[in-house]
Amino acid sequence: MNAMTLYRIGRWSYERGIPIVPKLAYYSIRLFFQSVIPMSVEIGEGTTFGPCLGIVLHERCRIGKNVMIAHQTTIGGRFGHDAVPVIEDNCFIAAGAKVLGPIRIGEGSVVGANAVVISDVPPRTVVAGVPARVIRSDYKLPVIERVEDLGGFEKLKEEWNELLDASSSPCLFLTWEWLWTWWKHLSTGRNLSLLTVRLGGELVAIAPLALRPASVRRQVPFRALEFLGTGSVGSDYLDIIVRRGSEVEAYGALANCLSEDGPMLELTQVHGNGSAVAQLATQLRSRGWRVTDMPAGVCPFIKLSGHSWQSYLATLGAEHRYNFRRKLRALSKLGVVQFELIRSEAERRLAIPNLIDLHHKRWGARGGSDAFHTAELCAFHEEFSRVALERDWLRLFVLKLNGQPAAALYGFCYRNRFYFYQAGFDPQFSTYGVGLVTMGLAIQRACEEGLEEYDLLHGDESYKFHWASQVRELSRHELYPPRLRGSLYEATVRASRAVRRLGRLVVPRPRLLTTRPQGSAK
């Protein structure tokens, strides 16, 4: 529980004349957060405190909506004056600032760190210094909003994808369509907790987060924020979406909001190089958070820019080129080989069940995989493949032998990049290398389409490196809030992992394949 929550409880009781509770809230804030926040203070919705240490508010001051107040801040009276400050909506009061006397801080204004303000501040103005002076006018203060309902999520659709196009991390797995479909089918038990940042009404950042409940099964009795798209669905390159040119304002606003919010962040499958998460982690570390980064695997990929199919083949090892051509000839001797791209809704409705069936046939004898192992995952792919076909993102290929499906490859094309997501084939053709042939033909189609890249996504299976020579690293970030709460989070997570490791040593159990087993090298 944070200081703002205690204030809200105390204020609610104060307004209704309920005894004892307001005093308990007031003294709890003083004890645990070293701050003085009387229940008589009027504080609007959406207002947040930074790391709530040393905040002092006059009992008659008024604070508007969506105000951010940093630590060591005083909003109080001045000798010889009866009136006290009024802070209008959407302001930011930086660390160490003093706002004193009968003054008004106009809407959307910023008071700089350690400033002493003793006169009115016009709207959308930045002031700093002792005494504070205007250093910038017509300033746009970041306004942060938490979206917790499906209606709000749905309304973001058009703005979301426009922002993604204007960011440094455009990726299929960050599109509104992918994450909306994930939420509908795979978000079991989580609470939506999207954070949006706006400057002058323009959307400049989205942190696509959900609040995961405490889990007895995971031996983690604390809630945690994680990315939408997390889990066995296999989303890679997850990140915060930030408009280019608005990074400073966005990271600062998100860090302030998360510092007040409290839960730890467990963010995985993040691009390991220059991610927005890494930039946010730097901001939070400066606010006393502890940050743990660790590798989360690699994504092999092929640079196709400037290549034809033949010139790309020439970059591969002679043995692999020979093997591909030999397998393709061997298949052709069995009958008519067709490699078809699904183009219509009627074809898609038949092809998705065929893909799932071929995938299960391929991996059933090896203990199965977690790609399509639940009804929820199958429902997700049924819906998203339909949406992807409508947007010309779907690249679902079926390799037919004498008119019958022998293999299928499921991928997507987004912003000139091919994402190789999943595959399957009939094991009776395994000696003919049908998986190898399907992969090669899909890469050939990507070359012919003029795509810049073929991404094999997460996993370091050896067959991927027959085709790809470059990798992108993925990372996992765990961010723990300051003080005792964060220490408890971190200690519990470490203990839980130790228990699970010990359990696996003592009681080994069969596992589904948890890599994304896209096809085979054979």
Protein backbone atom coordinates (compact mmCIF):
# COMPACT_ATOMS: atom_id res chain seq x y z
CA MET A 1 0.00 0.00 0.00
CA ASN A 2 1.38 3.42 -0.95
CA ALA A 3 0.91 6.90 0.52
CA MET A 4 -1.73 7.92 -2.02
CA THR A 5 -3.84 4.86 -1.24
CA LEU A 6 -3.65 5.63 2.48
CA TYR A 7 -4.63 9.23 1.74
CA ARG A 8 -7.63 8.14 -0.37
CA ILE A 9 -8.88 5.86 2.41
CA GLY A 10 -8.40 8.56 5.01
CA ARG A 11 -9.96 11.27 2.83
CA TRP A 12 -13.01 9.13 2.07
CA SER A 13 -13.55 8.59 5.79
CA TYR A 14 -12.87 12.27 6.59
CA GLU A 15 -15.54 13.45 4.12
CA ARG A 16 -18.11 11.12 5.70
CA GLY A 17 -17.29 11.98 9.28
CA ILE A 18 -16.01 8.50 10.10
CA PRO A 19 -13.79 8.75 13.19
CA ILE A 20 -10.36 7.21 13.82
CA VAL A 21 -9.65 6.13 10.21
CA PRO A 22 -8.45 9.59 9.04
CA LYS A 23 -6.02 9.81 11.95
CA LEU A 24 -4.77 6.27 11.35
CA ALA A 25 -4.14 7.12 7.68
CA TYR A 26 -2.42 10.40 8.58
CA TYR A 27 -0.06 8.85 11.13
CA SER A 28 0.62 5.82 8.91
CA ILE A 29 1.80 8.19 6.17
CA ARG A 30 4.01 10.01 8.66
CA LEU A 31 5.44 6.75 10.00
CA PHE A 32 6.02 4.80 6.80
CA PHE A 33 6.61 7.60 4.28
CA GLN A 34 8.00 10.43 6.45
CA SER A 35 5.44 12.76 4.90
CA VAL A 36 2.78 15.12 6.23
CA ILE A 37 -0.45 14.81 4.23
CA PRO A 38 -3.53 15.95 6.19
CA MET A 39 -6.84 14.39 5.24
CA SER A 40 -8.32 17.89 4.81
CA VAL A 41 -6.17 18.45 1.70
CA GLU A 42 -8.11 18.27 -1.58
CA ILE A 43 -6.27 16.11 -4.13
CA GLY A 44 -7.78 15.36 -7.55
CA GLU A 45 -8.01 12.05 -9.38
CA GLY A 46 -4.92 10.73 -11.09
CA THR A 47 -2.50 12.71 -8.95
CA THR A 48 0.58 10.74 -7.90
CA PHE A 49 3.45 11.10 -5.48
CA GLY A 50 6.97 10.10 -6.48
CA PRO A 51 9.01 8.04 -4.02
CA CYS A 52 6.96 9.44 -1.16
CA LEU A 53 9.62 10.68 1.25
CA GLY A 54 9.51 14.09 2.87
CA ILE A 55 6.38 15.49 1.20
CA VAL A 56 4.68 18.19 3.29
CA LEU A 57 1.26 19.60 2.33
CA HIS A 58 -0.61 22.42 4.06
CA GLU A 59 -3.94 21.29 5.47
CA ARG A 60 -5.86 23.79 3.29
CA CYS A 61 -3.96 23.53 0.01
CA ARG A 62 -5.77 22.26 -3.08
CA ILE A 63 -4.21 20.02 -5.72
CA GLY A 64 -5.87 19.26 -9.06
CA LYS A 65 -6.06 16.17 -11.24
CA ASN A 66 -3.11 14.31 -12.77
CA VAL A 67 -0.50 16.25 -10.81
CA MET A 68 2.89 14.61 -10.19
CA ILE A 69 4.58 15.56 -6.92
CA ALA A 70 8.15 14.40 -6.35
CA HIS A 71 9.90 13.72 -3.03
CA GLN A 72 11.09 16.35 -0.52
CA THR A 73 8.42 18.77 -1.75
CA THR A 74 6.65 21.37 0.40
CA ILE A 75 3.35 23.01 -0.53
CA GLY A 76 2.54 25.34 2.34
CA GLY A 77 1.76 28.77 3.72
CA ARG A 78 3.90 31.87 4.15
CA PHE A 79 4.24 34.17 7.15
CA GLY A 80 1.76 37.03 7.05
CA HIS A 81 -0.55 35.39 4.51
CA ASP A 82 -3.68 33.40 5.25
CA ALA A 83 -4.21 31.91 1.79
CA VAL A 84 -2.29 28.83 0.66
CA PRO A 85 -1.28 27.40 -2.75
CA VAL A 86 -3.60 25.99 -5.38
CA ILE A 87 -2.05 23.55 -7.85
CA GLU A 88 -4.14 23.20 -11.01
CA ASP A 89 -4.47 20.07 -13.16
CA ASN A 90 -1.61 18.32 -14.99
CA CYS A 91 1.26 20.04 -13.18
CA PHE A 92 4.62 18.58 -12.17
CA ILE A 93 6.31 19.63 -8.93
CA ALA A 94 9.91 18.41 -9.04
CA ALA A 95 12.03 17.10 -6.16
CA GLY A 96 12.87 19.53 -3.40
CA ALA A 97 10.57 22.30 -4.66
CA LYS A 98 8.86 24.72 -2.24
CA VAL A 99 5.52 26.28 -3.24
CA LEU A 100 4.58 28.84 -0.60
CA GLY A 101 1.82 31.33 0.15
CA PRO A 102 -1.28 32.68 -1.63
CA ILE A 103 -0.29 31.59 -5.14
CA ARG A 104 -1.67 29.52 -8.00
CA ILE A 105 0.32 27.15 -10.21
CA GLY A 106 -1.42 27.22 -13.59
CA GLU A 107 -2.55 24.14 -15.48
CA GLY A 108 0.19 22.11 -17.16
CA SER A 109 3.06 23.97 -15.48
CA VAL A 110 6.35 22.60 -14.18
CA VAL A 111 8.17 23.67 -11.02
CA GLY A 112 11.85 22.76 -11.29
CA ALA A 113 13.88 20.85 -8.72
CA ASN A 114 14.68 22.82 -5.53
CA ALA A 115 12.81 25.89 -6.81
CA VAL A 116 11.14 28.24 -4.32
CA VAL A 117 7.89 29.62 -5.76
CA ILE A 118 6.31 32.64 -4.06
CA SER A 119 4.28 34.13 -6.93
CA ASP A 120 1.69 32.89 -9.42
CA VAL A 121 2.82 30.68 -12.29
CA PRO A 122 0.87 31.05 -15.58
CA PRO A 123 -0.50 27.91 -17.28
CA ARG A 124 1.95 25.75 -19.29
CA THR A 125 5.01 27.48 -17.85
CA VAL A 126 8.30 26.11 -16.53
CA VAL A 127 9.81 27.90 -13.53
CA ALA A 128 13.05 27.27 -11.66
CA GLY A 129 15.46 28.95 -9.28
CA VAL A 130 15.34 30.75 -5.92
CA PRO A 131 13.10 32.64 -6.10
CA ALA A 132 11.55 30.87 -9.08
CA ARG A 133 11.64 32.62 -12.45
CA VAL A 134 10.03 31.72 -15.77
CA ILE A 135 12.44 29.83 -18.01
CA ARG A 136 9.97 28.57 -20.60
CA SER A 137 6.43 29.43 -21.68
CA ASP A 138 3.78 27.43 -23.52
CA TYR A 139 5.23 24.16 -22.20
CA LYS A 140 3.46 20.85 -22.81
CA LEU A 141 3.56 18.73 -19.68
CA PRO A 142 3.31 14.97 -20.14
CA VAL A 143 -0.08 13.70 -19.02
CA ILE A 144 -0.15 10.05 -17.99
CA GLU A 145 -3.26 7.90 -17.87
CA ARG A 146 -3.85 4.33 -16.78
CA VAL A 147 -6.22 2.31 -18.97
CA GLU A 148 -7.81 -0.55 -17.05
CA ASP A 149 -10.90 -1.42 -19.09
CA LEU A 150 -11.46 -3.02 -22.49
CA GLY A 151 -13.35 0.01 -23.77
CA GLY A 152 -10.33 2.24 -23.21
CA PHE A 153 -8.02 -0.35 -24.77
CA GLU A 154 -10.23 -0.63 -27.86
CA LYS A 155 -10.39 3.16 -28.33
CA LEU A 156 -6.60 3.31 -28.58
CA LYS A 157 -6.48 1.19 -31.75
CA GLU A 158 -5.84 3.86 -34.39
CA GLU A 159 -3.57 5.99 -32.21
CA TRP A 160 -1.67 2.87 -31.08
CA ASN A 161 -0.58 1.75 -34.52
CA GLU A 162 0.22 5.32 -35.64
CA LEU A 163 2.46 5.64 -32.57
CA LEU A 164 4.08 2.28 -33.32
CA ASP A 165 4.93 3.44 -36.84
CA ALA A 166 6.49 6.60 -35.38
CA SER A 167 8.55 4.70 -32.78
CA SER A 168 11.97 3.08 -32.89
CA SER A 169 10.51 -0.37 -32.19
CA PRO A 170 7.90 -1.17 -34.87
CA CYS A 171 7.21 -4.87 -34.52
CA LEU A 172 4.34 -7.25 -35.25
CA PHE A 173 4.18 -8.33 -31.60
CA LEU A 174 3.59 -4.74 -30.45
CA THR A 175 0.68 -4.06 -32.80
CA TRP A 176 -2.69 -3.33 -31.26
CA GLU A 177 -4.13 -6.33 -33.12
CA TRP A 178 -1.67 -8.87 -31.68
CA LEU A 179 -1.97 -7.61 -28.09
CA TRP A 180 -5.75 -7.12 -28.22
CA THR A 181 -6.19 -10.70 -29.44
CA TRP A 182 -3.78 -11.94 -26.76
CA TRP A 183 -5.77 -10.13 -24.09
CA LYS A 184 -9.06 -11.65 -25.27
CA HIS A 185 -7.79 -15.24 -25.22
CA LEU A 186 -4.67 -15.56 -23.07
CA SER A 187 -4.77 -12.97 -20.28
CA THR A 188 -6.38 -15.24 -17.69
CA GLY A 189 -6.27 -13.80 -14.18
CA ARG A 190 -4.49 -10.57 -15.12
CA ASN A 191 -5.75 -7.01 -14.76
CA LEU A 192 -5.24 -4.57 -17.61
CA SER A 193 -2.84 -1.76 -16.68
CA LEU A 194 -1.88 0.13 -19.84
CA LEU A 195 -0.03 3.39 -19.27
CA THR A 196 -0.34 6.13 -21.89
CA VAL A 197 1.63 9.38 -22.03
CA ARG A 198 0.40 12.43 -23.94
CA LEU A 199 2.02 15.75 -24.78
CA GLY A 200 -0.44 18.47 -25.71
CA GLY A 201 -3.04 15.77 -26.39
CA GLU A 202 -0.77 13.79 -28.72
CA LEU A 203 -0.07 10.19 -27.73
CA VAL A 204 3.72 9.85 -27.29
CA ALA A 205 4.12 6.59 -25.36
CA ILE A 206 2.34 3.40 -24.36
CA ALA A 207 3.57 0.94 -21.76
CA PRO A 208 1.50 -2.17 -22.67
CA LEU A 209 1.33 -3.67 -19.19
CA ALA A 210 -0.88 -6.04 -17.24
CA LEU A 211 -0.93 -6.74 -13.52
CA ARG A 212 -0.27 -10.41 -12.79
CA PRO A 213 -1.78 -11.60 -9.51
CA ALA A 214 0.14 -13.27 -6.73
CA SER A 215 0.65 -16.96 -7.46
CA VAL A 216 0.89 -19.81 -4.97
CA ARG A 217 1.92 -22.17 -7.78
CA ARG A 218 4.86 -19.92 -8.67
CA GLN A 219 5.69 -19.42 -4.97
CA VAL A 220 5.52 -15.64 -5.54
CA PRO A 221 3.02 -14.05 -3.12
CA PHE A 222 3.28 -10.61 -4.78
CA ARG A 223 1.68 -9.00 -7.79
CA ALA A 224 3.88 -7.93 -10.69
CA LEU A 225 3.52 -5.84 -13.82
CA GLU A 226 4.40 -7.62 -17.05
CA PHE A 227 3.97 -7.01 -20.76
CA LEU A 228 0.86 -7.93 -22.66
CA GLY A 229 1.83 -10.80 -24.95
CA THR A 230 3.84 -12.58 -22.27
CA GLY A 231 3.75 -16.37 -22.05
CA SER A 232 3.74 -19.38 -24.34
CA VAL A 233 2.21 -17.49 -27.27
CA GLY A 234 5.81 -16.59 -28.16
CA SER A 235 5.85 -12.80 -28.52
CA ASP A 236 9.36 -11.46 -29.14
CA TYR A 237 10.77 -7.91 -29.08
CA LEU A 238 8.27 -6.72 -26.46
CA ASP A 239 8.92 -3.17 -25.34
CA ILE A 240 7.47 0.19 -24.38
CA ILE A 241 6.32 2.12 -27.45
CA VAL A 242 7.74 5.67 -27.53
CA ARG A 243 7.43 8.30 -30.24
CA ARG A 244 10.81 9.35 -31.64
CA GLY A 245 11.75 12.77 -30.26
CA SER A 246 9.60 12.44 -27.12
CA GLU A 247 11.78 9.97 -25.22
CA VAL A 248 12.85 12.28 -22.38
CA GLU A 249 9.32 13.35 -21.47
CA ALA A 250 7.91 9.84 -21.85
CA TYR A 251 10.51 8.04 -19.72
CA GLY A 252 10.30 10.66 -16.99
CA ALA A 253 6.50 10.49 -16.83
CA LEU A 254 6.46 6.69 -16.79
CA ALA A 255 9.16 6.53 -14.11
CA ASN A 256 7.22 8.95 -11.90
CA CYS A 257 4.01 6.96 -12.30
CA LEU A 258 5.63 3.58 -11.67
CA SER A 259 7.49 4.92 -8.64
CA GLU A 260 4.16 5.74 -7.07
CA ASP A 261 2.46 2.55 -8.23
CA GLY A 262 4.56 0.07 -6.29
CA PRO A 263 4.56 -3.43 -7.88
CA MET A 264 7.72 -4.94 -9.28
CA LEU A 265 8.11 -5.17 -13.05
CA GLU A 266 8.97 -8.47 -14.71
CA LEU A 267 9.58 -7.71 -18.39
CA THR A 268 10.82 -10.46 -20.67
CA GLN A 269 11.49 -11.11 -24.38
CA VAL A 270 12.80 -7.56 -24.71
CA HIS A 271 15.14 -6.56 -27.53
CA GLY A 272 18.56 -6.73 -25.91
CA ASN A 273 20.03 -3.68 -27.66
CA GLY A 274 18.81 -0.14 -27.03
CA SER A 275 15.31 -0.99 -25.82
CA ALA A 276 12.95 1.54 -24.28
CA VAL A 277 12.79 -0.74 -21.23
CA ALA A 278 16.53 -0.25 -20.69
CA GLN A 279 16.07 3.53 -20.82
CA LEU A 280 13.19 3.39 -18.36
CA ALA A 281 15.26 1.15 -16.08
CA THR A 282 17.95 3.84 -15.97
CA GLN A 283 15.35 6.38 -14.84
CA LEU A 284 13.99 4.04 -12.16
CA ARG A 285 17.48 3.13 -10.93
CA SER A 286 18.09 6.83 -10.26
CA ARG A 287 14.95 6.77 -8.09
CA GLY A 288 16.29 3.96 -5.92
CA TRP A 289 14.93 0.93 -7.79
CA ARG A 290 17.06 -2.20 -8.11
CA VAL A 291 17.34 -3.55 -11.63
CA THR A 292 18.34 -7.06 -12.68
CA ASP A 293 19.03 -7.83 -16.34
CA MET A 294 19.65 -11.29 -17.73
CA PRO A 295 19.80 -12.95 -21.17
CA ALA A 296 16.56 -14.43 -22.50
CA GLY A 297 17.75 -16.13 -25.68
CA VAL A 298 18.45 -15.11 -29.25
CA CYS A 299 16.53 -14.57 -32.50
CA PRO A 300 18.49 -15.70 -35.58
CA PHE A 301 17.71 -13.66 -38.68
CA ILE A 302 18.66 -13.32 -42.35
CA LYS A 303 19.39 -9.99 -44.03
CA LEU A 304 17.76 -10.24 -47.46
CA SER A 305 18.25 -6.64 -48.64
CA GLY A 306 19.94 -6.64 -52.03
CA HIS A 307 19.61 -10.41 -52.43
CA SER A 308 17.83 -12.51 -54.98
CA TRP A 309 17.06 -16.10 -54.04
CA GLN A 310 20.08 -17.32 -55.99
CA SER A 311 22.47 -14.75 -54.52
CA TYR A 312 21.24 -15.60 -51.02
CA LEU A 313 21.73 -19.34 -51.67
CA ALA A 314 25.29 -18.58 -52.72
CA THR A 315 25.99 -17.24 -49.20
CA LEU A 316 25.16 -20.62 -47.63
CA GLY A 317 27.49 -23.54 -47.16
CA ALA A 318 27.89 -25.80 -50.18
CA GLU A 319 26.67 -28.84 -48.25
CA HIS A 320 23.47 -27.13 -47.13
CA ARG A 321 22.73 -25.83 -50.65
CA TYR A 322 23.24 -29.32 -52.04
CA ASN A 323 21.07 -30.87 -49.31
CA PHE A 324 18.17 -28.49 -50.00
CA ARG A 325 18.23 -29.10 -53.74
CA ARG A 326 18.59 -32.86 -53.31
CA LYS A 327 15.62 -33.04 -50.91
CA LEU A 328 13.47 -30.94 -53.24
CA ARG A 329 14.29 -33.24 -56.17
CA ALA A 330 13.52 -36.31 -54.05
CA LEU A 331 10.10 -34.91 -53.11
CA SER A 332 9.38 -34.08 -56.75
CA LYS A 333 9.95 -37.72 -57.68
CA LEU A 334 7.09 -38.71 -55.37
CA GLY A 335 4.61 -36.64 -57.34
CA VAL A 336 3.46 -33.08 -57.93
CA VAL A 337 4.87 -30.62 -55.36
CA GLN A 338 2.89 -27.41 -54.80
CA PHE A 339 3.86 -24.61 -52.42
CA GLU A 340 0.75 -22.49 -51.97
CA LEU A 341 0.21 -19.20 -50.14
CA ILE A 342 -3.14 -18.92 -48.39
CA ARG A 343 -4.93 -15.93 -49.91
CA SER A 344 -8.63 -16.22 -49.05
CA GLU A 345 -10.68 -16.57 -45.88
CA ALA A 346 -12.07 -19.90 -47.05
CA GLU A 347 -8.52 -21.23 -47.56
CA ARG A 348 -7.43 -19.89 -44.17
CA ARG A 349 -10.27 -21.64 -42.34
CA LEU A 350 -9.02 -24.95 -43.73
CA ALA A 351 -5.30 -24.23 -43.44
CA ILE A 352 -5.12 -23.30 -39.73
CA PRO A 353 -6.54 -26.67 -38.52
CA ASN A 354 -4.23 -28.42 -41.02
CA LEU A 355 -1.24 -26.51 -39.63
CA ILE A 356 -2.13 -27.46 -36.06
CA ASP A 357 -2.68 -31.10 -37.03
CA LEU A 358 0.65 -31.29 -38.89
CA HIS A 359 2.42 -29.62 -35.99
CA HIS A 360 1.01 -32.12 -33.50
CA LYS A 361 1.98 -35.00 -35.80
CA ARG A 362 5.51 -33.63 -36.06
CA TRP A 363 6.05 -33.20 -32.32
CA GLY A 364 3.70 -35.79 -30.82
CA ALA A 365 6.34 -38.52 -30.76
CA ARG A 366 8.77 -36.14 -29.03
CA GLY A 367 6.53 -35.31 -26.09
CA GLY A 368 4.58 -32.50 -27.73
CA SER A 369 5.16 -28.75 -27.77
CA ASP A 370 3.48 -25.78 -26.15
CA ALA A 371 2.70 -24.05 -29.45
CA PHE A 372 -0.94 -25.15 -29.83
CA HIS A 373 -1.44 -27.21 -26.69
CA THR A 374 -4.48 -25.40 -25.25
CA ALA A 375 -7.87 -24.42 -26.62
CA GLU A 376 -7.08 -20.79 -25.75
CA LEU A 377 -3.92 -20.78 -27.88
CA CYS A 378 -5.77 -22.33 -30.80
CA ALA A 379 -8.54 -19.73 -30.46
CA PHE A 380 -5.91 -16.97 -30.40
CA HIS A 381 -4.36 -18.16 -33.66
CA GLU A 382 -7.72 -18.72 -35.30
CA GLU A 383 -8.67 -15.10 -34.63
CA PHE A 384 -5.30 -13.45 -35.22
CA SER A 385 -4.66 -15.31 -38.48
CA ARG A 386 -8.01 -13.99 -39.74
CA VAL A 387 -7.09 -10.42 -38.75
CA ALA A 388 -3.61 -10.82 -40.27
CA LEU A 389 -5.10 -12.03 -43.57
CA GLU A 390 -7.37 -8.97 -43.69
CA ARG A 391 -4.32 -6.71 -43.24
CA ASP A 392 -2.13 -8.67 -45.68
CA TRP A 393 0.21 -9.68 -42.85
CA LEU A 394 -0.46 -13.42 -43.01
CA ARG A 395 2.08 -15.62 -44.76
CA LEU A 396 0.67 -19.11 -44.31
CA PHE A 397 2.13 -21.61 -46.79
CA VAL A 398 1.00 -25.17 -47.42
CA LEU A 399 3.28 -27.64 -49.18
CA LYS A 400 1.14 -30.20 -50.98
CA LEU A 401 2.26 -33.50 -52.43
CA ASN A 402 -0.14 -34.83 -55.05
CA GLY A 403 -2.77 -32.42 -53.73
CA GLN A 404 -2.48 -33.49 -50.07
CA PRO A 405 -0.95 -31.29 -47.31
CA ALA A 406 2.49 -32.61 -46.36
CA ALA A 407 3.78 -29.54 -44.50
CA ALA A 408 2.74 -26.03 -43.49
CA LEU A 409 4.64 -22.91 -42.49
CA TYR A 410 2.97 -20.12 -40.51
CA GLY A 411 4.50 -16.67 -40.64
CA PHE A 412 3.76 -12.98 -41.00
CA CYS A 413 5.00 -10.04 -43.02
CA TYR A 414 5.07 -6.73 -41.19
CA ARG A 415 6.94 -3.61 -42.29
CA ASN A 416 8.98 -5.50 -44.87
CA ARG A 417 10.11 -8.19 -42.42
CA PHE A 418 9.10 -11.86 -42.53
CA TYR A 419 8.42 -13.38 -39.10
CA PHE A 420 8.76 -17.16 -39.16
CA TYR A 421 6.42 -18.20 -36.39
CA GLN A 422 5.53 -21.90 -36.58
CA ALA A 423 5.49 -24.98 -38.82
CA GLY A 424 4.61 -28.64 -38.98
CA PHE A 425 4.82 -31.60 -41.32
CA ASP A 426 3.67 -35.16 -41.75
CA PRO A 427 6.35 -37.47 -40.23
CA GLN A 428 5.92 -39.99 -43.05
CA PHE A 429 7.83 -37.52 -45.24
CA SER A 430 10.57 -36.75 -42.71
CA THR A 431 13.19 -38.77 -44.60
CA TYR A 432 12.56 -36.49 -47.58
CA GLY A 433 13.45 -33.40 -45.56
CA VAL A 434 10.03 -31.84 -46.02
CA GLY A 435 10.67 -29.39 -43.16
CA LEU A 436 13.94 -28.26 -44.74
CA VAL A 437 12.29 -27.84 -48.15
CA THR A 438 9.37 -25.87 -46.70
CA MET A 439 11.73 -23.46 -44.95
CA GLY A 440 13.81 -22.93 -48.08
CA LEU A 441 10.78 -22.29 -50.26
CA ALA A 442 9.42 -19.77 -47.73
CA ILE A 443 12.73 -17.88 -47.76
CA GLN A 444 12.64 -17.95 -51.57
CA ARG A 445 9.17 -16.36 -51.50
CA ALA A 446 10.44 -13.67 -49.10
CA CYS A 447 13.26 -12.88 -51.54
CA GLU A 448 10.83 -12.72 -54.46
CA GLU A 449 8.55 -10.42 -52.45
CA GLY A 450 11.48 -8.03 -51.93
CA LEU A 451 11.47 -8.27 -48.14
CA GLU A 452 14.42 -6.88 -46.23
CA GLU A 453 14.67 -9.57 -43.58
CA TYR A 454 13.63 -13.08 -42.62
CA ASP A 455 13.42 -13.39 -38.83
CA LEU A 456 13.42 -16.91 -37.36
CA LEU A 457 12.44 -15.53 -33.93
CA HIS A 458 13.31 -16.89 -30.50
CA GLY A 459 15.32 -20.08 -30.25
CA ASP A 460 18.85 -21.28 -30.92
CA GLU A 461 17.95 -24.59 -32.58
CA SER A 462 20.76 -25.75 -34.84
CA TYR A 463 18.63 -25.91 -38.00
CA LYS A 464 18.08 -22.14 -37.86
CA PHE A 465 21.80 -21.53 -38.24
CA HIS A 466 21.85 -23.52 -41.47
CA TRP A 467 19.95 -20.54 -42.89
CA ALA A 468 20.91 -17.58 -40.69
CA SER A 469 24.28 -16.24 -39.57
CA GLN A 470 23.19 -13.25 -37.46
CA VAL A 471 21.29 -13.04 -34.18
CA ARG A 472 19.51 -10.48 -32.04
CA GLU A 473 19.74 -10.94 -28.32
CA LEU A 474 16.69 -10.91 -26.08
CA SER A 475 16.79 -9.88 -22.44
CA ARG A 476 14.74 -10.12 -19.29
CA HIS A 477 14.46 -7.17 -16.89
CA GLU A 478 13.32 -7.37 -13.29
CA LEU A 479 12.79 -4.03 -11.57
CA TYR A 480 12.26 -3.87 -7.82
CA PRO A 481 10.92 -0.74 -6.07
CA PRO A 482 12.97 0.90 -3.32
CA ARG A 483 12.84 0.28 0.40
CA LEU A 484 11.59 -2.79 2.24
CA ARG A 485 8.88 -3.73 -0.23
CA GLY A 486 11.33 -4.10 -3.11
CA SER A 487 13.75 -6.08 -0.95
CA LEU A 488 10.94 -8.49 -0.04
CA TYR A 489 9.98 -8.87 -3.71
CA GLU A 490 13.54 -9.64 -4.73
CA ALA A 491 14.21 -12.06 -1.87
CA THR A 492 10.98 -13.93 -2.57
CA VAL A 493 11.70 -14.24 -6.30
CA ARG A 494 15.19 -15.58 -5.61
CA ALA A 495 13.90 -18.06 -3.02
CA SER A 496 11.15 -19.22 -5.39
CA ARG A 497 13.67 -19.91 -8.14
CA ALA A 498 15.90 -21.83 -5.77
CA VAL A 499 12.95 -23.98 -4.66
CA ARG A 500 11.96 -24.71 -8.27
CA ARG A 501 15.53 -25.65 -9.21
CA LEU A 502 15.72 -28.00 -6.23
CA GLY A 503 12.34 -29.48 -7.12
CA ARG A 504 13.46 -30.25 -10.67
CA LEU A 505 16.54 -32.02 -9.34
CA VAL A 506 14.58 -34.10 -6.83
CA VAL A 507 11.48 -34.85 -8.90
CA PRO A 508 12.23 -34.63 -12.63
CA ARG A 509 9.10 -34.35 -14.71
CA PRO A 510 8.34 -34.60 -18.42
CA ARG A 511 8.15 -31.26 -20.15
CA LEU A 512 6.53 -29.91 -23.26
CA LEU A 513 8.96 -28.37 -25.70
CA THR A 514 9.01 -24.71 -24.71
CA THR A 515 11.03 -23.42 -27.62
CA ARG A 516 9.14 -22.31 -30.67
CA PRO A 517 9.76 -25.52 -32.67
CA GLN A 518 9.28 -24.17 -36.18
CA GLY A 519 9.78 -27.07 -38.49
CA SER A 520 12.95 -29.06 -38.72
CA ALA A 521 16.31 -29.02 -40.36
CA LYS A 522 15.70 -32.47 -41.74
